[in-house]
Amino acid sequence: MHRYNDYELLYLISEQNEIALNIMYQKYIPLIKARIAAFRIKEHNREDFFQEGLFMLFRAITTYRTDSRKTFNKYFDMILQRHFIQLLRRESKHFYNVVLTDKIDYLKEEDAKEESYDLDTLLSLCKFSPFEQKVLELRLRNHSIKEISEELGCRVQQVYDANDRIKRKLKAVKKSLDKKLQI
């Protein structure tokens, strides 16, 4: 296997190379796990923080500027640590103990000019963890967050986190499809 440096991988990713993206994810998974361990994340939150770490890696890939003074590794580590701190602060303030409506509203039409996609198409293009799939299935059946947490035997916060990741994944796929249509 060839060893690529981060800049080569970032260039290949900017050229829509899926293999480079997978290599980048595999390369930084150990850092995400190390940060989860360093922050002493509770066992029941580790999967959520791992998923958040993957999102932060994607954010770092899309926002990193090669002309900056920081290496990609340091840039990603900084984003990851700040995000984990933010999540832990929210958790300590019981940020997730709010009541939501039972309606699922993942795909709001913000602009009448935008292309609309049916939910099945978007779902087929997304990759969800097994937990996210269970949450999505129950949300599509109009279960409340609290009902889902009780049914799955997990904390309400975990369901909120999964719900948020699902929304972001769907929006990212929709944005990607919109971008491809413009080309």
Protein backbone atom coordinates (compact mmCIF):
# COMPACT_ATOMS: atom_id res chain seq x y z
CA MET A 1 0.00 0.00 0.00
CA HIS A 2 1.28 3.44 -0.89
CA ARG A 3 1.77 5.89 1.92
CA TYR A 4 0.41 9.29 1.04
CA ASN A 5 0.99 12.44 3.00
CA ASP A 6 -1.99 14.54 4.03
CA TYR A 7 -1.49 17.11 1.30
CA GLU A 8 -1.53 14.47 -1.43
CA LEU A 9 -4.66 12.95 0.06
CA LEU A 10 -6.35 16.35 0.35
CA TYR A 11 -5.58 17.06 -3.29
CA LEU A 12 -6.97 13.68 -4.37
CA ILE A 13 -10.07 14.22 -2.24
CA SER A 14 -10.60 17.62 -3.88
CA GLU A 15 -10.56 15.72 -7.18
CA GLN A 16 -13.45 13.53 -5.88
CA ASN A 17 -11.27 10.47 -5.21
CA GLU A 18 -13.24 8.19 -2.86
CA ILE A 19 -10.24 5.94 -2.18
CA ALA A 20 -8.24 8.90 -0.90
CA LEU A 21 -11.14 9.87 1.36
CA ASN A 22 -11.25 6.34 2.78
CA ILE A 23 -7.48 6.36 3.33
CA MET A 24 -7.79 9.69 5.15
CA TYR A 25 -10.56 8.33 7.38
CA GLN A 26 -8.54 5.20 8.18
CA LYS A 27 -5.47 7.29 8.90
CA TYR A 28 -7.23 9.52 11.45
CA ILE A 29 -9.48 7.00 13.22
CA PRO A 30 -6.70 6.25 15.76
CA LEU A 31 -6.44 9.97 16.59
CA ILE A 32 -10.20 10.19 17.13
CA LYS A 33 -10.09 7.16 19.43
CA ALA A 34 -7.09 8.60 21.29
CA ARG A 35 -8.93 11.87 21.89
CA ILE A 36 -12.00 10.00 23.12
CA ALA A 37 -9.77 8.17 25.59
CA ALA A 38 -7.95 11.37 26.59
CA PHE A 39 -11.24 13.13 27.30
CA ARG A 40 -12.36 10.11 29.34
CA ILE A 41 -15.64 9.85 27.50
CA LYS A 42 -18.12 7.55 29.22
CA GLU A 43 -18.63 4.13 27.68
CA HIS A 44 -22.22 4.83 26.61
CA ASN A 45 -21.14 8.02 24.78
CA ARG A 46 -18.12 6.67 22.92
CA GLU A 47 -19.98 5.72 19.74
CA ASP A 48 -21.59 9.17 19.61
CA PHE A 49 -18.26 10.92 20.10
CA PHE A 50 -16.65 8.66 17.51
CA GLN A 51 -19.32 9.63 14.96
CA GLU A 52 -18.86 13.29 15.89
CA GLY A 53 -15.13 12.82 15.40
CA LEU A 54 -15.72 11.51 11.89
CA PHE A 55 -17.86 14.55 11.15
CA MET A 56 -15.13 16.83 12.43
CA LEU A 57 -12.64 15.03 10.19
CA PHE A 58 -14.89 15.66 7.20
CA ARG A 59 -15.24 19.31 8.25
CA ALA A 60 -11.46 19.60 8.58
CA ILE A 61 -10.97 18.05 5.13
CA THR A 62 -13.40 20.50 3.54
CA THR A 63 -12.22 23.62 5.37
CA TYR A 64 -8.45 23.13 5.60
CA ARG A 65 -6.39 25.64 3.68
CA THR A 66 -3.04 24.37 2.45
CA ASP A 67 -1.54 27.84 2.73
CA SER A 68 -2.14 27.97 6.49
CA ARG A 69 0.71 27.66 8.96
CA LYS A 70 -0.77 24.59 10.65
CA THR A 71 -0.33 21.06 9.42
CA PHE A 72 -3.53 19.22 8.63
CA ASN A 73 -2.94 16.91 11.59
CA LYS A 74 -2.74 19.85 14.03
CA TYR A 75 -5.69 21.59 12.38
CA PHE A 76 -7.90 18.51 12.66
CA ASP A 77 -6.77 17.82 16.22
CA MET A 78 -7.64 21.39 17.22
CA ILE A 79 -11.11 21.18 15.63
CA LEU A 80 -11.72 17.79 17.21
CA GLN A 81 -10.69 18.86 20.71
CA ARG A 82 -12.74 22.06 20.56
CA HIS A 83 -15.79 20.15 19.38
CA PHE A 84 -15.44 17.54 22.13
CA ILE A 85 -15.13 20.31 24.73
CA GLN A 86 -18.25 21.96 23.32
CA LEU A 87 -20.18 18.67 23.44
CA LEU A 88 -19.09 18.00 27.01
CA ARG A 89 -20.15 21.49 28.07
CA ARG A 90 -23.56 20.99 26.50
CA GLU A 91 -23.91 17.65 28.22
CA SER A 92 -23.05 19.14 31.59
CA LYS A 93 -25.71 21.81 31.13
CA HIS A 94 -28.34 19.20 30.21
CA PHE A 95 -28.60 20.73 26.78
CA TYR A 96 -30.50 17.76 25.44
CA ASN A 97 -33.32 17.70 27.99
CA VAL A 98 -35.88 19.48 25.84
CA VAL A 99 -39.13 18.32 24.31
CA LEU A 100 -39.32 18.07 20.55
CA THR A 101 -42.34 17.70 18.35
CA ASP A 102 -43.14 14.23 17.11
CA LYS A 103 -42.94 15.28 13.48
CA ILE A 104 -39.83 14.40 11.52
CA ASP A 105 -38.69 17.30 9.41
CA TYR A 106 -35.34 16.38 7.91
CA LEU A 107 -35.89 17.93 4.52
CA LYS A 108 -37.23 21.45 4.63
CA GLU A 109 -37.66 23.19 1.35
CA GLU A 110 -35.78 26.42 1.90
CA ASP A 111 -36.06 27.65 -1.63
CA ALA A 112 -38.64 26.79 -4.26
CA LYS A 113 -35.89 26.81 -6.91
CA GLU A 114 -34.02 23.92 -5.26
CA GLU A 115 -34.32 20.44 -6.67
CA SER A 116 -36.34 18.16 -4.47
CA TYR A 117 -35.42 14.56 -3.84
CA ASP A 118 -37.58 11.91 -2.33
CA LEU A 119 -36.55 10.68 1.09
CA ASP A 120 -35.94 7.11 -0.12
CA THR A 121 -33.36 8.31 -2.65
CA LEU A 122 -31.49 10.34 -0.05
CA LEU A 123 -31.61 7.51 2.50
CA SER A 124 -30.21 5.04 -0.02
CA LEU A 125 -27.20 7.31 -0.60
CA CYS A 126 -26.40 7.76 3.11
CA LYS A 127 -24.34 5.47 5.28
CA PHE A 128 -25.75 5.14 8.78
CA SER A 129 -24.42 3.27 11.79
CA PRO A 130 -26.68 0.48 13.10
CA PHE A 131 -27.79 2.73 15.96
CA GLU A 132 -28.60 5.59 13.57
CA GLN A 133 -30.60 3.19 11.39
CA LYS A 134 -32.72 2.16 14.38
CA VAL A 135 -33.28 5.79 15.39
CA LEU A 136 -34.18 6.77 11.83
CA GLU A 137 -36.61 3.88 11.49
CA LEU A 138 -38.40 4.89 14.68
CA ARG A 139 -38.38 8.61 13.79
CA LEU A 140 -39.94 7.80 10.44
CA ARG A 141 -42.71 6.07 12.39
CA ASN A 142 -43.20 9.36 14.27
CA HIS A 143 -41.83 8.15 17.62
CA SER A 144 -40.67 10.91 19.94
CA ILE A 145 -37.07 11.14 21.05
CA LYS A 146 -38.03 10.03 24.54
CA GLU A 147 -39.97 7.02 23.21
CA ILE A 148 -36.98 6.02 21.09
CA SER A 149 -34.59 6.25 24.03
CA GLU A 150 -36.88 4.07 26.12
CA GLU A 151 -37.36 1.53 23.33
CA LEU A 152 -33.64 1.29 22.54
CA GLY A 153 -32.63 1.39 26.19
CA CYS A 154 -30.30 4.35 25.82
CA ARG A 155 -30.07 7.90 27.04
CA VAL A 156 -32.09 10.69 25.44
CA GLN A 157 -28.87 12.50 24.56
CA GLN A 158 -27.68 9.58 22.45
CA VAL A 159 -30.90 9.70 20.43
CA TYR A 160 -30.53 13.47 19.94
CA ASP A 161 -26.94 12.98 18.79
CA ALA A 162 -27.93 10.24 16.35
CA ASN A 163 -30.85 12.34 15.10
CA ASP A 164 -28.50 15.28 14.52
CA ARG A 165 -25.99 13.10 12.63
CA ILE A 166 -28.80 11.72 10.45
CA LYS A 167 -29.93 15.24 9.58
CA ARG A 168 -26.39 16.31 8.72
CA LYS A 169 -25.78 13.24 6.56
CA LEU A 170 -29.02 13.79 4.66
CA LYS A 171 -28.25 17.47 4.14
CA ALA A 172 -24.72 16.62 2.96
CA VAL A 173 -26.05 14.10 0.43
CA LYS A 174 -28.68 16.58 -0.76
CA LYS A 175 -26.04 19.29 -1.11
CA SER A 176 -23.79 16.89 -3.01
CA LEU A 177 -26.62 16.00 -5.40
CA ASP A 178 -27.45 19.67 -5.92
CA LYS A 179 -23.79 20.36 -6.66
CA LYS A 180 -23.63 17.54 -9.23
CA LEU A 181 -26.75 18.84 -10.97
CA GLN A 182 -25.16 22.27 -11.38
CA ILE A 183 -22.18 20.79 -13.21
